[in-house]
Amino acid sequence: LFDPKMAVARNVGALGLPVTLFIDPQGREVARATGDFEWDS
């Protein structure tokens, strides 16, 4: 998926990369992680 003009990133305040949002089934943000993680640990 692509956000070439960074409109999505700017809109949600993802100013640095990587940024990862935890989004619930209703489409709401429940948590945010900035920086890289070992997501499969």
PDB file of all heavy atoms in Angstrom:
ATOM      1  N   LEU A   1       0.851  -1.184   0.000  1.00  0.00           N
ATOM      2  CA  LEU A   1       0.000   0.000   0.000  1.00  0.00           C
ATOM      3  C   LEU A   1       0.888   1.235   0.000  1.00  0.00           C
ATOM      4  O   LEU A   1       1.996   1.209   0.549  1.00  0.00           O
ATOM      5  CB  LEU A   1      -0.911  -0.005   1.231  1.00  0.00           C
ATOM      6  CG  LEU A   1      -1.841  -1.221   1.332  1.00  0.00           C
ATOM      7  CD1 LEU A   1      -2.513  -1.271   2.696  1.00  0.00           C
ATOM      8  CD2 LEU A   1      -2.870  -1.205   0.225  1.00  0.00           C
ATOM      9  N   PHE A   2       0.390   2.322  -0.593  1.00  0.00           N
ATOM     10  CA  PHE A   2       1.228   3.495  -0.839  1.00  0.00           C
ATOM     11  C   PHE A   2       0.561   4.788  -0.372  1.00  0.00           C
ATOM     12  O   PHE A   2      -0.639   4.975  -0.554  1.00  0.00           O
ATOM     13  CB  PHE A   2       1.544   3.596  -2.338  1.00  0.00           C
ATOM     14  CG  PHE A   2       2.273   2.402  -2.871  1.00  0.00           C
ATOM     15  CD1 PHE A   2       1.588   1.285  -3.314  1.00  0.00           C
ATOM     16  CD2 PHE A   2       3.665   2.386  -2.899  1.00  0.00           C
ATOM     17  CE1 PHE A   2       2.262   0.169  -3.798  1.00  0.00           C
ATOM     18  CE2 PHE A   2       4.344   1.274  -3.377  1.00  0.00           C
ATOM     19  CZ  PHE A   2       3.646   0.170  -3.827  1.00  0.00           C
ATOM     20  N   ASP A   3       1.375   5.661   0.200  1.00  0.00           N
ATOM     21  CA  ASP A   3       0.985   6.996   0.642  1.00  0.00           C
ATOM     22  C   ASP A   3       2.038   7.960   0.076  1.00  0.00           C
ATOM     23  O   ASP A   3       2.859   8.515   0.806  1.00  0.00           O
ATOM     24  CB  ASP A   3       0.956   7.019   2.178  1.00  0.00           C
ATOM     25  CG  ASP A   3       0.620   8.375   2.775  1.00  0.00           C
ATOM     26  OD1 ASP A   3      -0.017   9.199   2.090  1.00  0.00           O
ATOM     27  OD2 ASP A   3       1.014   8.602   3.942  1.00  0.00           O
ATOM     28  N   PRO A   4       2.059   8.152  -1.264  1.00  0.00           N
ATOM     29  CA  PRO A   4       3.159   8.872  -1.907  1.00  0.00           C
ATOM     30  C   PRO A   4       3.326  10.329  -1.476  1.00  0.00           C
ATOM     31  O   PRO A   4       4.435  10.848  -1.469  1.00  0.00           O
ATOM     32  CB  PRO A   4       2.849   8.765  -3.395  1.00  0.00           C
ATOM     33  CG  PRO A   4       1.401   8.468  -3.474  1.00  0.00           C
ATOM     34  CD  PRO A   4       1.050   7.724  -2.225  1.00  0.00           C
ATOM     35  N   LYS A   5       2.244  10.987  -1.105  1.00  0.00           N
ATOM     36  CA  LYS A   5       2.343  12.390  -0.697  1.00  0.00           C
ATOM     37  C   LYS A   5       2.369  12.546   0.828  1.00  0.00           C
ATOM     38  O   LYS A   5       2.279  13.650   1.336  1.00  0.00           O
ATOM     39  CB  LYS A   5       1.193  13.190  -1.301  1.00  0.00           C
ATOM     40  CG  LYS A   5       1.278  13.237  -2.812  1.00  0.00           C
ATOM     41  CD  LYS A   5       0.195  14.074  -3.406  1.00  0.00           C
ATOM     42  CE  LYS A   5       0.339  14.065  -4.926  1.00  0.00           C
ATOM     43  NZ  LYS A   5      -0.714  14.828  -5.566  1.00  0.00           N
ATOM     44  N   MET A   6       2.454  11.438   1.531  1.00  0.00           N
ATOM     45  CA  MET A   6       2.513  11.400   3.001  1.00  0.00           C
ATOM     46  C   MET A   6       1.285  12.014   3.657  1.00  0.00           C
ATOM     47  O   MET A   6       1.328  12.415   4.827  1.00  0.00           O
ATOM     48  CB  MET A   6       3.795  12.054   3.505  1.00  0.00           C
ATOM     49  CG  MET A   6       5.049  11.371   2.988  1.00  0.00           C
ATOM     50  SD  MET A   6       6.592  12.104   3.561  1.00  0.00           S
ATOM     51  CE  MET A   6       6.546  11.680   5.278  1.00  0.00           C
ATOM     52  N   ALA A   7       0.157  12.055   2.936  1.00  0.00           N
ATOM     53  CA  ALA A   7      -1.067  12.644   3.484  1.00  0.00           C
ATOM     54  C   ALA A   7      -1.598  11.829   4.660  1.00  0.00           C
ATOM     55  O   ALA A   7      -2.025  12.395   5.670  1.00  0.00           O
ATOM     56  CB  ALA A   7      -2.129  12.756   2.389  1.00  0.00           C
ATOM     57  N   VAL A   8      -1.556  10.513   4.544  1.00  0.00           N
ATOM     58  CA  VAL A   8      -2.055   9.654   5.616  1.00  0.00           C
ATOM     59  C   VAL A   8      -1.145   9.778   6.834  1.00  0.00           C
ATOM     60  O   VAL A   8      -1.615   9.960   7.962  1.00  0.00           O
ATOM     61  CB  VAL A   8      -2.164   8.183   5.152  1.00  0.00           C
ATOM     62  CG1 VAL A   8      -2.661   7.288   6.276  1.00  0.00           C
ATOM     63  CG2 VAL A   8      -3.077   8.062   3.934  1.00  0.00           C
ATOM     64  N   ALA A   9       0.153   9.686   6.609  1.00  0.00           N
ATOM     65  CA  ALA A   9       1.114   9.783   7.715  1.00  0.00           C
ATOM     66  C   ALA A   9       0.971  11.109   8.454  1.00  0.00           C
ATOM     67  O   ALA A   9       0.933  11.146   9.686  1.00  0.00           O
ATOM     68  CB  ALA A   9       2.534   9.602   7.186  1.00  0.00           C
ATOM     69  N   ARG A  10       0.873  12.210   7.713  1.00  0.00           N
ATOM     70  CA  ARG A  10       0.714  13.519   8.345  1.00  0.00           C
ATOM     71  C   ARG A  10      -0.599  13.596   9.117  1.00  0.00           C
ATOM     72  O   ARG A  10      -0.650  14.128  10.226  1.00  0.00           O
ATOM     73  CB  ARG A  10       0.759  14.637   7.304  1.00  0.00           C
ATOM     74  CG  ARG A  10       2.147  15.101   6.965  1.00  0.00           C
ATOM     75  CD  ARG A  10       2.141  16.416   6.188  1.00  0.00           C
ATOM     76  NE  ARG A  10       1.260  16.418   5.032  1.00  0.00           N
ATOM     77  CZ  ARG A  10       1.587  15.958   3.819  1.00  0.00           C
ATOM     78  NH1 ARG A  10       2.790  15.465   3.613  1.00  0.00           N
ATOM     79  NH2 ARG A  10       0.742  16.007   2.824  1.00  0.00           N
ATOM     80  N   ASN A  11      -1.665  13.065   8.539  1.00  0.00           N
ATOM     81  CA  ASN A  11      -2.987  13.155   9.152  1.00  0.00           C
ATOM     82  C   ASN A  11      -3.052  12.449  10.500  1.00  0.00           C
ATOM     83  O   ASN A  11      -3.741  12.905  11.403  1.00  0.00           O
ATOM     84  CB  ASN A  11      -4.045  12.592   8.204  1.00  0.00           C
ATOM     85  CG  ASN A  11      -5.441  12.941   8.646  1.00  0.00           C
ATOM     86  OD1 ASN A  11      -5.749  14.101   8.895  1.00  0.00           O
ATOM     87  ND2 ASN A  11      -6.283  11.938   8.760  1.00  0.00           N
ATOM     88  N   VAL A  12      -2.336  11.344  10.640  1.00  0.00           N
ATOM     89  CA  VAL A  12      -2.373  10.606  11.909  1.00  0.00           C
ATOM     90  C   VAL A  12      -1.190  10.948  12.817  1.00  0.00           C
ATOM     91  O   VAL A  12      -1.030  10.357  13.877  1.00  0.00           O
ATOM     92  CB  VAL A  12      -2.456   9.078  11.688  1.00  0.00           C
ATOM     93  CG1 VAL A  12      -3.684   8.712  10.877  1.00  0.00           C
ATOM     94  CG2 VAL A  12      -1.200   8.528  11.061  1.00  0.00           C
ATOM     95  N   GLY A  13      -0.359  11.893  12.403  1.00  0.00           N
ATOM     96  CA  GLY A  13       0.765  12.317  13.233  1.00  0.00           C
ATOM     97  C   GLY A  13       1.930  11.342  13.250  1.00  0.00           C
ATOM     98  O   GLY A  13       2.676  11.290  14.216  1.00  0.00           O
ATOM     99  N   ALA A  14       2.092  10.589  12.173  1.00  0.00           N
ATOM    100  CA  ALA A  14       3.240   9.678  12.055  1.00  0.00           C
ATOM    101  C   ALA A  14       4.387  10.470  11.449  1.00  0.00           C
ATOM    102  O   ALA A  14       4.634  10.416  10.252  1.00  0.00           O
ATOM    103  CB  ALA A  14       2.872   8.478  11.190  1.00  0.00           C
ATOM    104  N   LEU A  15       5.078  11.213  12.286  1.00  0.00           N
ATOM    105  CA  LEU A  15       6.081  12.154  11.802  1.00  0.00           C
ATOM    106  C   LEU A  15       7.451  11.530  11.605  1.00  0.00           C
ATOM    107  O   LEU A  15       8.243  12.004  10.818  1.00  0.00           O
ATOM    108  CB  LEU A  15       6.162  13.345  12.753  1.00  0.00           C
ATOM    109  CG  LEU A  15       4.834  14.065  12.973  1.00  0.00           C
ATOM    110  CD1 LEU A  15       4.988  15.169  14.005  1.00  0.00           C
ATOM    111  CD2 LEU A  15       4.276  14.603  11.672  1.00  0.00           C
ATOM    112  N   GLY A  16       7.766  10.496  12.347  1.00  0.00           N
ATOM    113  CA  GLY A  16       9.020   9.776  12.175  1.00  0.00           C
ATOM    114  C   GLY A  16       8.694   8.348  11.768  1.00  0.00           C
ATOM    115  O   GLY A  16       7.554   7.920  11.904  1.00  0.00           O
ATOM    116  N   LEU A  17       9.654   7.637  11.277  1.00  0.00           N
ATOM    117  CA  LEU A  17       9.392   6.263  10.844  1.00  0.00           C
ATOM    118  C   LEU A  17      10.363   5.315  11.531  1.00  0.00           C
ATOM    119  O   LEU A  17      11.480   5.711  11.833  1.00  0.00           O
ATOM    120  CB  LEU A  17       9.549   6.141   9.328  1.00  0.00           C
ATOM    121  CG  LEU A  17       8.547   6.907   8.483  1.00  0.00           C
ATOM    122  CD1 LEU A  17       8.880   6.721   7.003  1.00  0.00           C
ATOM    123  CD2 LEU A  17       7.124   6.480   8.752  1.00  0.00           C
ATOM    124  N   PRO A  18       9.953   4.100  11.737  1.00  0.00           N
ATOM    125  CA  PRO A  18       8.603   3.565  11.550  1.00  0.00           C
ATOM    126  C   PRO A  18       7.674   3.952  12.700  1.00  0.00           C
ATOM    127  O   PRO A  18       8.111   4.170  13.823  1.00  0.00           O
ATOM    128  CB  PRO A  18       8.824   2.056  11.539  1.00  0.00           C
ATOM    129  CG  PRO A  18      10.043   1.835  12.376  1.00  0.00           C
ATOM    130  CD  PRO A  18      10.900   3.059  12.173  1.00  0.00           C
ATOM    131  N   VAL A  19       6.397   4.025  12.384  1.00  0.00           N
ATOM    132  CA  VAL A  19       5.329   4.231  13.363  1.00  0.00           C
ATOM    133  C   VAL A  19       4.304   3.138  13.127  1.00  0.00           C
ATOM    134  O   VAL A  19       3.946   2.852  11.980  1.00  0.00           O
ATOM    135  CB  VAL A  19       4.673   5.621  13.215  1.00  0.00           C
ATOM    136  CG1 VAL A  19       3.421   5.726  14.074  1.00  0.00           C
ATOM    137  CG2 VAL A  19       5.653   6.716  13.574  1.00  0.00           C
ATOM    138  N   THR A  20       3.849   2.535  14.214  1.00  0.00           N
ATOM    139  CA  THR A  20       2.877   1.454  14.115  1.00  0.00           C
ATOM    140  C   THR A  20       1.703   1.759  15.030  1.00  0.00           C
ATOM    141  O   THR A  20       1.889   2.042  16.214  1.00  0.00           O
ATOM    142  CB  THR A  20       3.520   0.107  14.514  1.00  0.00           C
ATOM    143  OG1 THR A  20       4.681  -0.098  13.697  1.00  0.00           O
ATOM    144  CG2 THR A  20       2.558  -1.041  14.302  1.00  0.00           C
ATOM    145  N   LEU A  21       0.503   1.712  14.463  1.00  0.00           N
ATOM    146  CA  LEU A  21      -0.722   1.961  15.215  1.00  0.00           C
ATOM    147  C   LEU A  21      -1.432   0.638  15.497  1.00  0.00           C
ATOM    148  O   LEU A  21      -1.527  -0.214  14.612  1.00  0.00           O
ATOM    149  CB  LEU A  21      -1.669   2.865  14.423  1.00  0.00           C
ATOM    150  CG  LEU A  21      -1.102   4.170  13.856  1.00  0.00           C
ATOM    151  CD1 LEU A  21      -2.189   4.915  13.094  1.00  0.00           C
ATOM    152  CD2 LEU A  21      -0.510   5.024  14.948  1.00  0.00           C
ATOM    153  N   PHE A  22      -1.935   0.491  16.705  1.00  0.00           N
ATOM    154  CA  PHE A  22      -2.820  -0.615  17.051  1.00  0.00           C
ATOM    155  C   PHE A  22      -4.232  -0.082  16.832  1.00  0.00           C
ATOM    156  O   PHE A  22      -4.639   0.868  17.506  1.00  0.00           O
ATOM    157  CB  PHE A  22      -2.665  -1.008  18.517  1.00  0.00           C
ATOM    158  CG  PHE A  22      -1.383  -1.707  18.868  1.00  0.00           C
ATOM    159  CD1 PHE A  22      -0.141  -1.113  18.690  1.00  0.00           C
ATOM    160  CD2 PHE A  22      -1.428  -2.975  19.426  1.00  0.00           C
ATOM    161  CE1 PHE A  22       1.035  -1.752  19.048  1.00  0.00           C
ATOM    162  CE2 PHE A  22      -0.264  -3.632  19.794  1.00  0.00           C
ATOM    163  CZ  PHE A  22       0.971  -3.026  19.596  1.00  0.00           C
ATOM    164  N   ILE A  23      -4.976  -0.670  15.907  1.00  0.00           N
ATOM    165  CA  ILE A  23      -6.307  -0.189  15.560  1.00  0.00           C
ATOM    166  C   ILE A  23      -7.317  -1.282  15.875  1.00  0.00           C
ATOM    167  O   ILE A  23      -7.171  -2.432  15.430  1.00  0.00           O
ATOM    168  CB  ILE A  23      -6.368   0.223  14.073  1.00  0.00           C
ATOM    169  CG1 ILE A  23      -5.325   1.319  13.804  1.00  0.00           C
ATOM    170  CG2 ILE A  23      -7.765   0.684  13.699  1.00  0.00           C
ATOM    171  CD1 ILE A  23      -5.177   1.700  12.346  1.00  0.00           C
ATOM    172  N   ASP A  24      -8.348  -0.919  16.633  1.00  0.00           N
ATOM    173  CA  ASP A  24      -9.350  -1.911  17.040  1.00  0.00           C
ATOM    174  C   ASP A  24     -10.340  -2.188  15.907  1.00  0.00           C
ATOM    175  O   ASP A  24     -10.317  -1.510  14.864  1.00  0.00           O
ATOM    176  CB  ASP A  24     -10.033  -1.496  18.345  1.00  0.00           C
ATOM    177  CG  ASP A  24     -10.981  -0.313  18.224  1.00  0.00           C
ATOM    178  OD1 ASP A  24     -11.315   0.134  17.104  1.00  0.00           O
ATOM    179  OD2 ASP A  24     -11.408   0.189  19.291  1.00  0.00           O
ATOM    180  N   PRO A  25     -11.214  -3.180  16.067  1.00  0.00           N
ATOM    181  CA  PRO A  25     -12.159  -3.540  14.991  1.00  0.00           C
ATOM    182  C   PRO A  25     -13.120  -2.417  14.593  1.00  0.00           C
ATOM    183  O   PRO A  25     -13.701  -2.452  13.516  1.00  0.00           O
ATOM    184  CB  PRO A  25     -12.919  -4.739  15.565  1.00  0.00           C
ATOM    185  CG  PRO A  25     -11.955  -5.365  16.525  1.00  0.00           C
ATOM    186  CD  PRO A  25     -11.238  -4.191  17.144  1.00  0.00           C
ATOM    187  N   GLN A  26     -13.275  -1.401  15.444  1.00  0.00           N
ATOM    188  CA  GLN A  26     -14.128  -0.259  15.118  1.00  0.00           C
ATOM    189  C   GLN A  26     -13.351   0.853  14.406  1.00  0.00           C
ATOM    190  O   GLN A  26     -13.899   1.911  14.123  1.00  0.00           O
ATOM    191  CB  GLN A  26     -14.785   0.305  16.387  1.00  0.00           C
ATOM    192  CG  GLN A  26     -15.806  -0.630  17.029  1.00  0.00           C
ATOM    193  CD  GLN A  26     -15.149  -1.774  17.798  1.00  0.00           C
ATOM    194  OE1 GLN A  26     -14.151  -1.593  18.490  1.00  0.00           O
ATOM    195  NE2 GLN A  26     -15.699  -2.961  17.652  1.00  0.00           N
ATOM    196  N   GLY A  27     -12.067   0.633  14.152  1.00  0.00           N
ATOM    197  CA  GLY A  27     -11.261   1.617  13.442  1.00  0.00           C
ATOM    198  C   GLY A  27     -10.688   2.706  14.324  1.00  0.00           C
ATOM    199  O   GLY A  27     -10.332   3.777  13.830  1.00  0.00           O
ATOM    200  N   ARG A  28     -10.540   2.446  15.625  1.00  0.00           N
ATOM    201  CA  ARG A  28     -10.004   3.435  16.560  1.00  0.00           C
ATOM    202  C   ARG A  28      -8.588   3.037  16.982  1.00  0.00           C
ATOM    203  O   ARG A  28      -8.284   1.860  17.131  1.00  0.00           O
ATOM    204  CB  ARG A  28     -10.889   3.533  17.798  1.00  0.00           C
ATOM    205  CG  ARG A  28     -12.336   3.885  17.462  1.00  0.00           C
ATOM    206  CD  ARG A  28     -13.222   3.759  18.664  1.00  0.00           C
ATOM    207  NE  ARG A  28     -13.179   2.379  19.173  1.00  0.00           N
ATOM    208  CZ  ARG A  28     -13.900   1.933  20.192  1.00  0.00           C
ATOM    209  NH1 ARG A  28     -14.709   2.753  20.835  1.00  0.00           N
ATOM    210  NH2 ARG A  28     -13.809   0.674  20.589  1.00  0.00           N
ATOM    211  N   GLU A  29      -7.763   4.038  17.214  1.00  0.00           N
ATOM    212  CA  GLU A  29      -6.390   3.789  17.671  1.00  0.00           C
ATOM    213  C   GLU A  29      -6.395   3.508  19.166  1.00  0.00           C
ATOM    214  O   GLU A  29      -6.905   4.297  19.951  1.00  0.00           O
ATOM    215  CB  GLU A  29      -5.514   5.008  17.363  1.00  0.00           C
ATOM    216  CG  GLU A  29      -4.073   4.840  17.773  1.00  0.00           C
ATOM    217  CD  GLU A  29      -3.214   6.057  17.482  1.00  0.00           C
ATOM    218  OE1 GLU A  29      -3.485   6.781  16.490  1.00  0.00           O
ATOM    219  OE2 GLU A  29      -2.275   6.284  18.251  1.00  0.00           O
ATOM    220  N   VAL A  30      -5.804   2.370  19.556  1.00  0.00           N
ATOM    221  CA  VAL A  30      -5.725   2.027  20.975  1.00  0.00           C
ATOM    222  C   VAL A  30      -4.301   2.151  21.519  1.00  0.00           C
ATOM    223  O   VAL A  30      -4.113   2.244  22.726  1.00  0.00           O
ATOM    224  CB  VAL A  30      -6.293   0.621  21.271  1.00  0.00           C
ATOM    225  CG1 VAL A  30      -7.774   0.562  20.923  1.00  0.00           C
ATOM    226  CG2 VAL A  30      -5.540  -0.453  20.537  1.00  0.00           C
ATOM    227  N   ALA A  31      -3.317   2.130  20.631  1.00  0.00           N
ATOM    228  CA  ALA A  31      -1.921   2.267  21.053  1.00  0.00           C
ATOM    229  C   ALA A  31      -1.088   2.692  19.855  1.00  0.00           C
ATOM    230  O   ALA A  31      -1.520   2.582  18.702  1.00  0.00           O
ATOM    231  CB  ALA A  31      -1.398   0.950  21.622  1.00  0.00           C
ATOM    232  N   ARG A  32       0.130   3.163  20.166  1.00  0.00           N
ATOM    233  CA  ARG A  32       1.046   3.622  19.118  1.00  0.00           C
ATOM    234  C   ARG A  32       2.464   3.242  19.522  1.00  0.00           C
ATOM    235  O   ARG A  32       2.852   3.404  20.674  1.00  0.00           O
ATOM    236  CB  ARG A  32       0.926   5.135  18.982  1.00  0.00           C
ATOM    237  CG  ARG A  32       1.847   5.751  17.947  1.00  0.00           C
ATOM    238  CD  ARG A  32       1.580   7.236  17.816  1.00  0.00           C
ATOM    239  NE  ARG A  32       0.262   7.456  17.250  1.00  0.00           N
ATOM    240  CZ  ARG A  32       0.009   8.245  16.214  1.00  0.00           C
ATOM    241  NH1 ARG A  32       0.991   8.912  15.657  1.00  0.00           N
ATOM    242  NH2 ARG A  32      -1.208   8.383  15.759  1.00  0.00           N
ATOM    243  N   ALA A  33       3.211   2.760  18.545  1.00  0.00           N
ATOM    244  CA  ALA A  33       4.612   2.399  18.769  1.00  0.00           C
ATOM    245  C   ALA A  33       5.475   3.175  17.785  1.00  0.00           C
ATOM    246  O   ALA A  33       5.169   3.222  16.597  1.00  0.00           O
ATOM    247  CB  ALA A  33       4.807   0.902  18.569  1.00  0.00           C
ATOM    248  N   THR A  34       6.531   3.787  18.286  1.00  0.00           N
ATOM    249  CA  THR A  34       7.465   4.510  17.436  1.00  0.00           C
ATOM    250  C   THR A  34       8.806   3.797  17.489  1.00  0.00           C
ATOM    251  O   THR A  34       9.282   3.429  18.559  1.00  0.00           O
ATOM    252  CB  THR A  34       7.616   5.962  17.917  1.00  0.00           C
ATOM    253  OG1 THR A  34       6.319   6.577  17.933  1.00  0.00           O
ATOM    254  CG2 THR A  34       8.524   6.751  17.001  1.00  0.00           C
ATOM    255  N   GLY A  35       9.384   3.591  16.332  1.00  0.00           N
ATOM    256  CA  GLY A  35      10.652   2.877  16.248  1.00  0.00           C
ATOM    257  C   GLY A  35      10.426   1.429  15.854  1.00  0.00           C
ATOM    258  O   GLY A  35       9.302   0.956  15.773  1.00  0.00           O
ATOM    259  N   ASP A  36      11.522   0.745  15.598  1.00  0.00           N
ATOM    260  CA  ASP A  36      11.407  -0.643  15.151  1.00  0.00           C
ATOM    261  C   ASP A  36      11.328  -1.582  16.349  1.00  0.00           C
ATOM    262  O   ASP A  36      11.818  -1.275  17.436  1.00  0.00           O
ATOM    263  CB  ASP A  36      12.577  -1.026  14.236  1.00  0.00           C
ATOM    264  CG  ASP A  36      13.925  -0.930  14.927  1.00  0.00           C
ATOM    265  OD1 ASP A  36      14.195   0.100  15.559  1.00  0.00           O
ATOM    266  OD2 ASP A  36      14.704  -1.890  14.833  1.00  0.00           O
ATOM    267  N   PHE A  37      10.661  -2.705  16.123  1.00  0.00           N
ATOM    268  CA  PHE A  37      10.455  -3.725  17.136  1.00  0.00           C
ATOM    269  C   PHE A  37      10.673  -5.097  16.510  1.00  0.00           C
ATOM    270  O   PHE A  37      10.536  -5.259  15.299  1.00  0.00           O
ATOM    271  CB  PHE A  37       9.016  -3.680  17.688  1.00  0.00           C
ATOM    272  CG  PHE A  37       8.723  -2.479  18.530  1.00  0.00           C
ATOM    273  CD1 PHE A  37       8.335  -1.281  17.954  1.00  0.00           C
ATOM    274  CD2 PHE A  37       8.829  -2.538  19.909  1.00  0.00           C
ATOM    275  CE1 PHE A  37       8.061  -0.166  18.728  1.00  0.00           C
ATOM    276  CE2 PHE A  37       8.550  -1.422  20.696  1.00  0.00           C
ATOM    277  CZ  PHE A  37       8.170  -0.240  20.104  1.00  0.00           C
ATOM    278  N   GLU A  38      10.936  -6.066  17.339  1.00  0.00           N
ATOM    279  CA  GLU A  38      10.939  -7.469  16.909  1.00  0.00           C
ATOM    280  C   GLU A  38       9.506  -7.961  17.059  1.00  0.00           C
ATOM    281  O   GLU A  38       9.148  -8.608  18.039  1.00  0.00           O
ATOM    282  CB  GLU A  38      11.920  -8.295  17.756  1.00  0.00           C
ATOM    283  CG  GLU A  38      13.362  -7.975  17.487  1.00  0.00           C
ATOM    284  CD  GLU A  38      13.798  -8.298  16.064  1.00  0.00           C
ATOM    285  OE1 GLU A  38      13.324  -9.293  15.487  1.00  0.00           O
ATOM    286  OE2 GLU A  38      14.616  -7.539  15.517  1.00  0.00           O
ATOM    287  N   TRP A  39       8.674  -7.631  16.082  1.00  0.00           N
ATOM    288  CA  TRP A  39       7.240  -7.882  16.179  1.00  0.00           C
ATOM    289  C   TRP A  39       6.884  -9.358  16.271  1.00  0.00           C
ATOM    290  O   TRP A  39       5.802  -9.701  16.742  1.00  0.00           O
ATOM    291  CB  TRP A  39       6.515  -7.237  14.999  1.00  0.00           C
ATOM    292  CG  TRP A  39       6.469  -5.754  15.089  1.00  0.00           C
ATOM    293  CD1 TRP A  39       7.150  -4.861  14.315  1.00  0.00           C
ATOM    294  CD2 TRP A  39       5.717  -4.970  16.017  1.00  0.00           C
ATOM    295  NE1 TRP A  39       6.861  -3.577  14.696  1.00  0.00           N
ATOM    296  CE2 TRP A  39       5.979  -3.613  15.746  1.00  0.00           C
ATOM    297  CE3 TRP A  39       4.835  -5.279  17.059  1.00  0.00           C
ATOM    298  CZ2 TRP A  39       5.393  -2.578  16.463  1.00  0.00           C
ATOM    299  CZ3 TRP A  39       4.258  -4.248  17.775  1.00  0.00           C
ATOM    300  CH2 TRP A  39       4.542  -2.915  17.477  1.00  0.00           C
ATOM    301  N   ASP A  40       7.761 -10.233  15.846  1.00  0.00           N
ATOM    302  CA  ASP A  40       7.445 -11.666  15.909  1.00  0.00           C
ATOM    303  C   ASP A  40       8.074 -12.359  17.115  1.00  0.00           C
ATOM    304  O   ASP A  40       8.012 -13.572  17.243  1.00  0.00           O
ATOM    305  CB  ASP A  40       7.861 -12.370  14.622  1.00  0.00           C
ATOM    306  CG  ASP A  40       9.352 -12.294  14.357  1.00  0.00           C
ATOM    307  OD1 ASP A  40      10.019 -11.371  14.873  1.00  0.00           O
ATOM    308  OD2 ASP A  40       9.862 -13.163  13.633  1.00  0.00           O
ATOM    309  N   SER A  41       8.656 -11.592  18.026  1.00  0.00           N
ATOM    310  CA  SER A  41       9.242 -12.189  19.232  1.00  0.00           C
ATOM    311  C   SER A  41       8.134 -12.833  20.066  1.00  0.00           C
ATOM    312  O   SER A  41       6.954 -12.467  19.939  1.00  0.00           O
ATOM    313  CB  SER A  41       9.959 -11.115  20.063  1.00  0.00           C
ATOM    314  OG  SER A  41       9.002 -10.248  20.654  1.00  0.00           O
TER     315      SER A  41
END
